[in-house]
Amino acid sequence: MATTTVAKGKVRNKSNEGAPCPPGWVLTAEGLPSTDPDDVIKGAGFMTSLGGSREGANHKGFGLAAMVNILSSCLAGSTLITDPMHLKQPWGQDIGHFYMALNPGLFGAVEDFAHSVTTFSNALRDTPAVDPALPVQVAGDPERAMLERRRAEGIPILPGLREKLMQIAAEANAPWLLD
């Protein structure tokens, strides 16, 4: 789950395609609203916190992001996102992670826990939607729907990404097999 309005990959995709971001996704280095994905991709701007704006309660997303940063940076010993050297190391060498596993059996019968989760998820899905064409979803539902769509229709490659992939293949003397 991104602690920003959208995942950074969506901003990168906009940059690859030379397309603007929707309002509320990115900010300039000065913290002003922007629709230019390169404000973020080139490292000067910022992505908005979950909630997007002050009116959208972005302080809640900011708090969630701070907690994630404390757990995955401070606890793991990597640089904080506020450190000027964060992500300036060779890729992946200074990115912290936090994993936590809980044994539901310590709290009660595992079967009861599994049944409760299933019952809760189904109850959420059964909630009447404001727009019947957009049913209520739970975590994983959009990804499962996209998986089925991709299996049926294939995985689209937008022109900007295609150009970058073709360049990488050419530089590596690898045959291009995606036509």
N, C-alpha and C. Protein backbone atom coordinates (compact mmCIF):
# COMPACT_ATOMS: atom_id res chain seq x y z
N MET A 1 0.84 -1.18 0.00
CA MET A 1 0.00 0.00 0.00
C MET A 1 0.88 1.23 0.00
N ALA A 2 0.64 2.12 -0.88
CA ALA A 2 1.37 3.38 -0.90
C ALA A 2 0.86 4.29 0.20
N THR A 3 1.75 5.03 0.84
CA THR A 3 1.32 6.02 1.83
C THR A 3 1.22 7.39 1.17
N THR A 4 1.24 7.38 -0.15
CA THR A 4 1.05 8.59 -0.94
C THR A 4 -0.29 8.47 -1.68
N THR A 5 -0.72 9.56 -2.31
CA THR A 5 -1.99 9.54 -3.02
C THR A 5 -2.04 8.42 -4.04
N VAL A 6 -0.94 8.22 -4.76
CA VAL A 6 -0.80 7.11 -5.72
C VAL A 6 0.59 6.51 -5.56
N ALA A 7 0.79 5.34 -6.09
CA ALA A 7 2.11 4.72 -6.07
C ALA A 7 3.04 5.46 -7.03
N LYS A 8 4.33 5.50 -6.70
CA LYS A 8 5.30 6.24 -7.52
C LYS A 8 5.34 5.71 -8.96
N GLY A 9 5.06 4.42 -9.14
CA GLY A 9 5.06 3.86 -10.49
C GLY A 9 4.06 4.54 -11.40
N LYS A 10 2.94 4.99 -10.86
CA LYS A 10 1.95 5.70 -11.68
C LYS A 10 2.49 7.06 -12.12
N VAL A 11 3.25 7.71 -11.23
CA VAL A 11 3.87 8.99 -11.59
C VAL A 11 4.95 8.74 -12.64
N ARG A 12 5.75 7.68 -12.46
CA ARG A 12 6.79 7.33 -13.44
C ARG A 12 6.17 7.03 -14.79
N ASN A 13 5.02 6.33 -14.81
CA ASN A 13 4.35 6.03 -16.08
C ASN A 13 3.93 7.31 -16.78
N LYS A 14 3.42 8.29 -16.04
CA LYS A 14 3.04 9.58 -16.63
C LYS A 14 4.28 10.25 -17.24
N SER A 15 5.41 10.20 -16.53
CA SER A 15 6.65 10.79 -17.04
C SER A 15 7.09 10.08 -18.32
N ASN A 16 7.06 8.74 -18.31
CA ASN A 16 7.45 7.97 -19.50
C ASN A 16 6.64 8.37 -20.72
N GLU A 17 5.37 8.67 -20.50
CA GLU A 17 4.48 8.98 -21.62
C GLU A 17 4.41 10.48 -21.92
N GLY A 18 5.12 11.30 -21.14
CA GLY A 18 5.07 12.74 -21.36
C GLY A 18 3.70 13.31 -21.05
N ALA A 19 2.98 12.67 -20.14
CA ALA A 19 1.62 13.09 -19.80
C ALA A 19 1.60 13.74 -18.42
N PRO A 20 0.69 14.68 -18.20
CA PRO A 20 0.59 15.30 -16.88
C PRO A 20 -0.06 14.36 -15.87
N CYS A 21 0.25 14.57 -14.62
CA CYS A 21 -0.43 13.85 -13.54
C CYS A 21 -1.75 14.55 -13.25
N PRO A 22 -2.73 13.84 -12.77
CA PRO A 22 -3.95 14.50 -12.32
C PRO A 22 -3.64 15.44 -11.16
N PRO A 23 -4.37 16.51 -11.00
CA PRO A 23 -4.14 17.41 -9.86
C PRO A 23 -4.24 16.63 -8.55
N GLY A 24 -3.34 16.96 -7.62
CA GLY A 24 -3.37 16.32 -6.31
C GLY A 24 -2.38 15.18 -6.15
N TRP A 25 -1.65 14.81 -7.21
CA TRP A 25 -0.68 13.73 -7.10
C TRP A 25 0.69 14.22 -6.66
N VAL A 26 1.15 15.36 -7.21
CA VAL A 26 2.54 15.80 -6.98
C VAL A 26 2.61 17.27 -6.57
N LEU A 27 3.75 17.59 -5.94
CA LEU A 27 4.04 18.96 -5.52
C LEU A 27 5.41 19.36 -6.05
N THR A 28 5.62 20.66 -6.23
CA THR A 28 6.93 21.17 -6.62
C THR A 28 7.89 21.08 -5.42
N ALA A 29 9.15 21.42 -5.65
CA ALA A 29 10.14 21.44 -4.56
C ALA A 29 9.73 22.43 -3.47
N GLU A 30 8.94 23.44 -3.86
CA GLU A 30 8.47 24.44 -2.90
C GLU A 30 7.19 24.01 -2.19
N GLY A 31 6.67 22.83 -2.54
CA GLY A 31 5.45 22.34 -1.91
C GLY A 31 4.18 22.84 -2.55
N LEU A 32 4.28 23.41 -3.74
CA LEU A 32 3.10 23.92 -4.45
C LEU A 32 2.51 22.84 -5.35
N PRO A 33 1.21 22.86 -5.58
CA PRO A 33 0.59 21.85 -6.44
C PRO A 33 1.18 21.87 -7.85
N SER A 34 1.32 20.70 -8.42
CA SER A 34 1.87 20.57 -9.77
C SER A 34 1.17 19.40 -10.46
N THR A 35 1.25 19.39 -11.78
CA THR A 35 0.80 18.23 -12.55
C THR A 35 1.96 17.64 -13.35
N ASP A 36 3.17 18.16 -13.14
CA ASP A 36 4.35 17.70 -13.88
C ASP A 36 4.99 16.52 -13.16
N PRO A 37 4.91 15.32 -13.73
CA PRO A 37 5.49 14.15 -13.05
C PRO A 37 6.99 14.27 -12.85
N ASP A 38 7.66 15.03 -13.72
CA ASP A 38 9.11 15.16 -13.60
C ASP A 38 9.53 15.96 -12.37
N ASP A 39 8.61 16.70 -11.77
CA ASP A 39 8.93 17.33 -10.49
C ASP A 39 9.34 16.26 -9.48
N VAL A 40 8.71 15.10 -9.53
CA VAL A 40 9.04 14.00 -8.62
C VAL A 40 10.14 13.12 -9.21
N ILE A 41 10.00 12.74 -10.46
CA ILE A 41 10.92 11.78 -11.07
C ILE A 41 12.34 12.32 -11.11
N LYS A 42 12.51 13.60 -11.33
CA LYS A 42 13.87 14.18 -11.36
C LYS A 42 14.37 14.55 -9.98
N GLY A 43 13.58 14.25 -8.94
CA GLY A 43 14.05 14.37 -7.57
C GLY A 43 13.87 15.69 -6.88
N ALA A 44 13.21 16.65 -7.50
CA ALA A 44 13.07 17.95 -6.84
C ALA A 44 11.75 18.07 -6.08
N GLY A 45 10.69 17.50 -6.61
CA GLY A 45 9.37 17.65 -5.99
C GLY A 45 9.02 16.49 -5.10
N PHE A 46 7.74 16.45 -4.73
CA PHE A 46 7.26 15.45 -3.78
C PHE A 46 5.94 14.87 -4.25
N MET A 47 5.67 13.67 -3.79
CA MET A 47 4.36 13.09 -3.99
C MET A 47 3.50 13.49 -2.81
N THR A 48 2.21 13.68 -3.04
CA THR A 48 1.34 14.08 -1.95
C THR A 48 1.04 12.88 -1.04
N SER A 49 0.86 13.18 0.24
CA SER A 49 0.52 12.14 1.20
C SER A 49 -0.87 11.60 0.91
N LEU A 50 -1.13 10.39 1.34
CA LEU A 50 -2.45 9.80 1.23
C LEU A 50 -3.47 10.80 1.75
N GLY A 51 -4.47 11.10 0.97
CA GLY A 51 -5.44 12.14 1.31
C GLY A 51 -5.28 13.33 0.39
N GLY A 52 -4.07 13.51 -0.18
CA GLY A 52 -3.82 14.51 -1.21
C GLY A 52 -3.66 15.94 -0.76
N SER A 53 -4.61 16.46 -0.02
CA SER A 53 -4.58 17.88 0.33
C SER A 53 -4.97 18.05 1.79
N ARG A 54 -4.76 19.25 2.29
CA ARG A 54 -5.16 19.54 3.67
C ARG A 54 -6.66 19.29 3.84
N GLU A 55 -7.43 19.69 2.83
CA GLU A 55 -8.88 19.49 2.88
C GLU A 55 -9.23 17.99 2.83
N GLY A 56 -8.36 17.20 2.21
CA GLY A 56 -8.57 15.76 2.11
C GLY A 56 -7.96 14.99 3.28
N ALA A 57 -7.57 15.71 4.33
CA ALA A 57 -7.00 15.11 5.54
C ALA A 57 -5.66 14.43 5.28
N ASN A 58 -4.81 15.07 4.46
CA ASN A 58 -3.52 14.45 4.15
C ASN A 58 -2.64 14.29 5.38
N HIS A 59 -2.96 14.97 6.47
CA HIS A 59 -2.16 14.79 7.69
C HIS A 59 -2.26 13.35 8.19
N LYS A 60 -3.36 12.67 7.89
CA LYS A 60 -3.49 11.28 8.29
C LYS A 60 -2.54 10.41 7.46
N GLY A 61 -2.48 10.68 6.17
CA GLY A 61 -1.54 9.95 5.32
C GLY A 61 -0.11 10.26 5.69
N PHE A 62 0.15 11.52 6.05
CA PHE A 62 1.49 11.92 6.46
C PHE A 62 1.89 11.16 7.72
N GLY A 63 0.95 11.03 8.67
CA GLY A 63 1.22 10.28 9.90
C GLY A 63 1.50 8.81 9.62
N LEU A 64 0.73 8.23 8.71
CA LEU A 64 0.95 6.84 8.32
C LEU A 64 2.32 6.68 7.66
N ALA A 65 2.68 7.62 6.78
CA ALA A 65 3.98 7.57 6.12
C ALA A 65 5.11 7.71 7.13
N ALA A 66 4.93 8.59 8.13
CA ALA A 66 5.96 8.75 9.16
C ALA A 66 6.15 7.45 9.93
N MET A 67 5.05 6.79 10.28
CA MET A 67 5.15 5.53 11.01
C MET A 67 5.88 4.47 10.16
N VAL A 68 5.52 4.37 8.90
CA VAL A 68 6.17 3.41 8.02
C VAL A 68 7.66 3.74 7.90
N ASN A 69 7.99 5.02 7.79
CA ASN A 69 9.39 5.43 7.68
C ASN A 69 10.16 5.08 8.95
N ILE A 70 9.55 5.31 10.09
CA ILE A 70 10.22 4.98 11.36
C ILE A 70 10.50 3.48 11.43
N LEU A 71 9.52 2.66 11.08
CA LEU A 71 9.70 1.22 11.15
C LEU A 71 10.68 0.70 10.10
N SER A 72 10.58 1.21 8.87
CA SER A 72 11.40 0.65 7.80
C SER A 72 12.74 1.36 7.59
N SER A 73 12.91 2.54 8.15
CA SER A 73 14.20 3.22 8.03
C SER A 73 14.93 3.24 9.37
N CYS A 74 14.33 3.83 10.38
CA CYS A 74 15.00 3.94 11.69
C CYS A 74 15.32 2.56 12.25
N LEU A 75 14.33 1.69 12.28
CA LEU A 75 14.51 0.36 12.85
C LEU A 75 15.48 -0.48 12.02
N ALA A 76 15.44 -0.31 10.70
CA ALA A 76 16.29 -1.10 9.81
C ALA A 76 17.68 -0.49 9.61
N GLY A 77 17.88 0.76 10.05
CA GLY A 77 19.19 1.39 9.92
C GLY A 77 19.48 2.01 8.57
N SER A 78 18.46 2.21 7.75
CA SER A 78 18.69 2.87 6.46
C SER A 78 18.44 4.37 6.61
N THR A 79 18.78 5.14 5.58
CA THR A 79 18.56 6.58 5.66
C THR A 79 17.07 6.89 5.63
N LEU A 80 16.70 7.98 6.26
CA LEU A 80 15.32 8.46 6.24
C LEU A 80 15.04 9.10 4.89
N ILE A 81 13.77 9.17 4.51
CA ILE A 81 13.43 9.81 3.23
C ILE A 81 13.78 11.29 3.24
N THR A 82 13.96 11.87 4.42
CA THR A 82 14.33 13.29 4.52
C THR A 82 15.84 13.50 4.36
N ASP A 83 16.62 12.43 4.37
CA ASP A 83 18.08 12.53 4.22
C ASP A 83 18.41 12.84 2.77
N PRO A 84 19.24 13.87 2.51
CA PRO A 84 19.58 14.21 1.12
C PRO A 84 20.23 13.05 0.36
N MET A 85 20.84 12.11 1.06
CA MET A 85 21.50 10.99 0.39
C MET A 85 20.57 9.79 0.17
N HIS A 86 19.32 9.89 0.67
CA HIS A 86 18.38 8.79 0.49
C HIS A 86 18.19 8.52 -0.99
N LEU A 87 18.32 7.30 -1.39
CA LEU A 87 18.20 6.83 -2.78
C LEU A 87 19.30 7.35 -3.70
N LYS A 88 20.35 7.95 -3.15
CA LYS A 88 21.48 8.38 -3.97
C LYS A 88 22.53 7.27 -4.05
N GLN A 89 22.38 6.26 -3.19
CA GLN A 89 23.27 5.10 -3.22
C GLN A 89 22.93 4.28 -4.46
N PRO A 90 23.84 3.37 -4.86
CA PRO A 90 23.45 2.46 -5.96
C PRO A 90 22.13 1.80 -5.60
N TRP A 91 21.28 1.58 -6.58
CA TRP A 91 19.91 1.15 -6.37
C TRP A 91 19.81 0.00 -5.38
N GLY A 92 18.94 0.21 -4.41
CA GLY A 92 18.61 -0.85 -3.47
C GLY A 92 19.55 -1.01 -2.30
N GLN A 93 20.65 -0.26 -2.24
CA GLN A 93 21.62 -0.46 -1.17
C GLN A 93 21.27 0.27 0.11
N ASP A 94 20.33 1.17 0.08
CA ASP A 94 19.99 1.90 1.30
C ASP A 94 18.49 2.04 1.46
N ILE A 95 17.78 1.00 1.10
CA ILE A 95 16.33 0.99 1.25
C ILE A 95 16.00 0.03 2.38
N GLY A 96 15.35 0.55 3.42
CA GLY A 96 15.00 -0.29 4.56
C GLY A 96 13.65 -0.95 4.36
N HIS A 97 13.44 -2.04 5.05
CA HIS A 97 12.19 -2.77 4.99
C HIS A 97 11.78 -3.17 6.40
N PHE A 98 10.51 -3.34 6.62
CA PHE A 98 10.00 -3.81 7.89
C PHE A 98 8.97 -4.89 7.61
N TYR A 99 9.16 -6.02 8.22
CA TYR A 99 8.22 -7.12 8.09
C TYR A 99 7.78 -7.54 9.49
N MET A 100 6.51 -7.84 9.63
CA MET A 100 6.01 -8.33 10.90
C MET A 100 5.07 -9.49 10.61
N ALA A 101 5.26 -10.56 11.32
CA ALA A 101 4.39 -11.72 11.18
C ALA A 101 3.72 -11.98 12.52
N LEU A 102 2.43 -12.19 12.48
CA LEU A 102 1.67 -12.51 13.68
C LEU A 102 1.10 -13.91 13.54
N ASN A 103 1.12 -14.65 14.62
CA ASN A 103 0.52 -15.98 14.64
C ASN A 103 -0.88 -15.84 15.22
N PRO A 104 -1.92 -15.89 14.38
CA PRO A 104 -3.28 -15.72 14.91
C PRO A 104 -3.64 -16.79 15.93
N GLY A 105 -2.92 -17.91 15.91
CA GLY A 105 -3.18 -18.97 16.87
C GLY A 105 -2.86 -18.57 18.30
N LEU A 106 -2.08 -17.51 18.48
CA LEU A 106 -1.79 -17.02 19.82
C LEU A 106 -2.99 -16.29 20.43
N PHE A 107 -3.95 -15.92 19.60
CA PHE A 107 -5.10 -15.15 20.06
C PHE A 107 -6.38 -15.97 20.12
N GLY A 108 -6.35 -17.15 19.52
CA GLY A 108 -7.52 -18.00 19.47
C GLY A 108 -7.35 -19.04 18.39
N ALA A 109 -8.40 -19.76 18.10
CA ALA A 109 -8.33 -20.81 17.08
C ALA A 109 -8.13 -20.19 15.70
N VAL A 110 -7.16 -20.74 14.96
CA VAL A 110 -6.85 -20.23 13.62
C VAL A 110 -8.08 -20.33 12.72
N GLU A 111 -8.84 -21.39 12.85
CA GLU A 111 -10.04 -21.56 12.02
C GLU A 111 -11.06 -20.45 12.29
N ASP A 112 -11.18 -20.04 13.56
CA ASP A 112 -12.10 -18.95 13.90
C ASP A 112 -11.64 -17.64 13.28
N PHE A 113 -10.32 -17.42 13.33
CA PHE A 113 -9.76 -16.20 12.73
C PHE A 113 -10.03 -16.18 11.22
N ALA A 114 -9.73 -17.28 10.54
CA ALA A 114 -9.94 -17.36 9.09
C ALA A 114 -11.41 -17.15 8.74
N HIS A 115 -12.29 -17.75 9.51
CA HIS A 115 -13.73 -17.58 9.28
C HIS A 115 -14.15 -16.12 9.48
N SER A 116 -13.62 -15.48 10.52
CA SER A 116 -13.94 -14.07 10.79
C SER A 116 -13.48 -13.16 9.66
N VAL A 117 -12.28 -13.40 9.16
CA VAL A 117 -11.76 -12.57 8.06
C VAL A 117 -12.61 -12.75 6.82
N THR A 118 -12.95 -13.98 6.50
CA THR A 118 -13.78 -14.25 5.32
C THR A 118 -15.16 -13.61 5.48
N THR A 119 -15.76 -13.77 6.65
CA THR A 119 -17.07 -13.19 6.91
C THR A 119 -17.03 -11.67 6.80
N PHE A 120 -15.99 -11.06 7.37
CA PHE A 120 -15.84 -9.61 7.32
C PHE A 120 -15.66 -9.13 5.88
N SER A 121 -14.78 -9.79 5.12
CA SER A 121 -14.54 -9.40 3.72
C SER A 121 -15.82 -9.51 2.90
N ASN A 122 -16.55 -10.60 3.08
CA ASN A 122 -17.80 -10.76 2.33
C ASN A 122 -18.83 -9.72 2.73
N ALA A 123 -18.89 -9.39 4.02
CA ALA A 123 -19.84 -8.36 4.48
C ALA A 123 -19.50 -7.01 3.85
N LEU A 124 -18.20 -6.70 3.75
CA LEU A 124 -17.81 -5.45 3.10
C LEU A 124 -18.21 -5.45 1.64
N ARG A 125 -17.94 -6.54 0.94
CA ARG A 125 -18.31 -6.63 -0.48
C ARG A 125 -19.82 -6.52 -0.68
N ASP A 126 -20.60 -6.98 0.30
CA ASP A 126 -22.06 -6.95 0.20
C ASP A 126 -22.66 -5.59 0.57
N THR A 127 -21.82 -4.66 1.01
CA THR A 127 -22.30 -3.32 1.34
C THR A 127 -22.85 -2.67 0.07
N PRO A 128 -24.05 -2.10 0.12
CA PRO A 128 -24.59 -1.45 -1.09
C PRO A 128 -23.67 -0.31 -1.55
N ALA A 129 -23.33 -0.34 -2.81
CA ALA A 129 -22.45 0.68 -3.38
C ALA A 129 -23.26 1.92 -3.77
N VAL A 130 -22.64 3.07 -3.68
CA VAL A 130 -23.29 4.30 -4.13
C VAL A 130 -23.60 4.19 -5.62
N ASP A 131 -22.62 3.65 -6.37
CA ASP A 131 -22.80 3.43 -7.80
C ASP A 131 -22.74 1.92 -8.03
N PRO A 132 -23.85 1.29 -8.40
CA PRO A 132 -23.86 -0.17 -8.59
C PRO A 132 -22.82 -0.66 -9.59
N ALA A 133 -22.40 0.21 -10.50
CA ALA A 133 -21.38 -0.18 -11.47
C ALA A 133 -19.99 -0.24 -10.84
N LEU A 134 -19.86 0.32 -9.62
CA LEU A 134 -18.57 0.33 -8.91
C LEU A 134 -18.78 -0.32 -7.55
N PRO A 135 -18.80 -1.65 -7.49
CA PRO A 135 -19.07 -2.33 -6.22
C PRO A 135 -17.98 -2.07 -5.18
N VAL A 136 -18.34 -2.24 -3.92
CA VAL A 136 -17.38 -2.12 -2.83
C VAL A 136 -16.36 -3.24 -2.97
N GLN A 137 -15.09 -2.89 -2.77
CA GLN A 137 -14.02 -3.87 -2.91
C GLN A 137 -13.20 -3.94 -1.63
N VAL A 138 -12.55 -5.07 -1.42
CA VAL A 138 -11.63 -5.23 -0.30
C VAL A 138 -10.23 -5.41 -0.85
N ALA A 139 -9.24 -5.37 0.03
CA ALA A 139 -7.85 -5.50 -0.39
C ALA A 139 -7.67 -6.74 -1.27
N GLY A 140 -7.03 -6.55 -2.39
CA GLY A 140 -6.77 -7.63 -3.33
C GLY A 140 -7.79 -7.76 -4.45
N ASP A 141 -9.01 -7.24 -4.26
CA ASP A 141 -10.03 -7.35 -5.30
C ASP A 141 -9.60 -6.66 -6.60
N PRO A 142 -9.11 -5.40 -6.54
CA PRO A 142 -8.71 -4.77 -7.81
C PRO A 142 -7.58 -5.54 -8.51
N GLU A 143 -6.66 -6.07 -7.73
CA GLU A 143 -5.54 -6.81 -8.32
C GLU A 143 -6.02 -8.12 -8.95
N ARG A 144 -6.95 -8.81 -8.30
CA ARG A 144 -7.49 -10.05 -8.88
C ARG A 144 -8.24 -9.75 -10.18
N ALA A 145 -9.00 -8.67 -10.19
CA ALA A 145 -9.73 -8.29 -11.41
C ALA A 145 -8.75 -7.95 -12.53
N MET A 146 -7.68 -7.22 -12.19
CA MET A 146 -6.69 -6.86 -13.21
C MET A 146 -5.97 -8.11 -13.72
N LEU A 147 -5.67 -9.05 -12.85
CA LEU A 147 -5.03 -10.30 -13.27
C LEU A 147 -5.88 -11.01 -14.31
N GLU A 148 -7.16 -11.12 -14.04
CA GLU A 148 -8.06 -11.78 -15.00
C GLU A 148 -8.12 -11.02 -16.31
N ARG A 149 -8.15 -9.69 -16.23
CA ARG A 149 -8.19 -8.87 -17.44
C ARG A 149 -6.90 -9.05 -18.25
N ARG A 150 -5.76 -9.04 -17.56
CA ARG A 150 -4.48 -9.21 -18.26
C ARG A 150 -4.36 -10.60 -18.88
N ARG A 151 -4.88 -11.60 -18.19
CA ARG A 151 -4.86 -12.96 -18.75
C ARG A 151 -5.69 -13.03 -20.03
N ALA A 152 -6.79 -12.32 -20.05
CA ALA A 152 -7.68 -12.35 -21.20
C ALA A 152 -7.18 -11.46 -22.35
N GLU A 153 -6.64 -10.28 -22.00
CA GLU A 153 -6.31 -9.27 -23.02
C GLU A 153 -4.82 -9.05 -23.24
N GLY A 154 -3.98 -9.58 -22.36
CA GLY A 154 -2.55 -9.33 -22.44
C GLY A 154 -2.17 -8.10 -21.61
N ILE A 155 -0.88 -7.82 -21.59
CA ILE A 155 -0.35 -6.70 -20.81
C ILE A 155 0.04 -5.58 -21.77
N PRO A 156 -0.64 -4.45 -21.69
CA PRO A 156 -0.29 -3.35 -22.61
C PRO A 156 1.03 -2.70 -22.23
N ILE A 157 1.76 -2.29 -23.22
CA ILE A 157 3.00 -1.54 -23.00
C ILE A 157 2.80 -0.20 -23.69
N LEU A 158 2.76 0.86 -22.90
CA LEU A 158 2.56 2.19 -23.46
C LEU A 158 3.78 2.62 -24.27
N PRO A 159 3.61 3.53 -25.23
CA PRO A 159 4.71 3.89 -26.14
C PRO A 159 5.99 4.37 -25.44
N GLY A 160 5.87 5.18 -24.42
CA GLY A 160 7.07 5.68 -23.73
C GLY A 160 7.86 4.56 -23.08
N LEU A 161 7.19 3.66 -22.41
CA LEU A 161 7.86 2.52 -21.78
C LEU A 161 8.42 1.59 -22.84
N ARG A 162 7.66 1.37 -23.90
CA ARG A 162 8.13 0.50 -25.00
C ARG A 162 9.45 1.03 -25.56
N GLU A 163 9.52 2.33 -25.77
CA GLU A 163 10.74 2.94 -26.30
C GLU A 163 11.92 2.70 -25.36
N LYS A 164 11.70 2.88 -24.05
CA LYS A 164 12.77 2.65 -23.07
C LYS A 164 13.20 1.19 -23.06
N LEU A 165 12.24 0.27 -23.12
CA LEU A 165 12.57 -1.16 -23.13
C LEU A 165 13.35 -1.54 -24.38
N MET A 166 12.95 -0.98 -25.52
CA MET A 166 13.66 -1.27 -26.76
C MET A 166 15.10 -0.75 -26.70
N GLN A 167 15.28 0.42 -26.08
CA GLN A 167 16.62 1.00 -25.94
C GLN A 167 17.49 0.10 -25.04
N ILE A 168 16.92 -0.36 -23.94
CA ILE A 168 17.67 -1.25 -23.03
C ILE A 168 18.05 -2.54 -23.75
N ALA A 169 17.12 -3.11 -24.51
CA ALA A 169 17.40 -4.34 -25.25
C ALA A 169 18.51 -4.11 -26.27
N ALA A 170 18.46 -2.99 -26.97
CA ALA A 170 19.49 -2.69 -27.97
C ALA A 170 20.86 -2.52 -27.32
N GLU A 171 20.90 -1.80 -26.19
CA GLU A 171 22.17 -1.60 -25.47
C GLU A 171 22.74 -2.91 -24.95
N ALA A 172 21.87 -3.87 -24.64
CA ALA A 172 22.32 -5.16 -24.13
C ALA A 172 22.50 -6.19 -25.24
N ASN A 173 22.33 -5.75 -26.50
CA ASN A 173 22.39 -6.66 -27.65
C ASN A 173 21.45 -7.84 -27.49
N ALA A 174 20.30 -7.59 -26.90
CA ALA A 174 19.28 -8.62 -26.71
C ALA A 174 18.23 -8.48 -27.81
N PRO A 175 17.76 -9.59 -28.34
CA PRO A 175 16.73 -9.48 -29.38
C PRO A 175 15.43 -8.95 -28.79
N TRP A 176 14.73 -8.15 -29.58
CA TRP A 176 13.43 -7.62 -29.17
C TRP A 176 12.37 -8.64 -29.55
N LEU A 177 11.69 -9.19 -28.54
CA LEU A 177 10.73 -10.27 -28.76
C LEU A 177 9.29 -9.89 -28.48
N LEU A 178 9.04 -8.60 -28.22
CA LEU A 178 7.71 -8.21 -27.77
C LEU A 178 6.79 -7.68 -28.88
N ASP A 179 7.10 -7.94 -30.11
CA ASP A 179 6.21 -7.53 -31.20
C ASP A 179 5.19 -8.59 -31.50
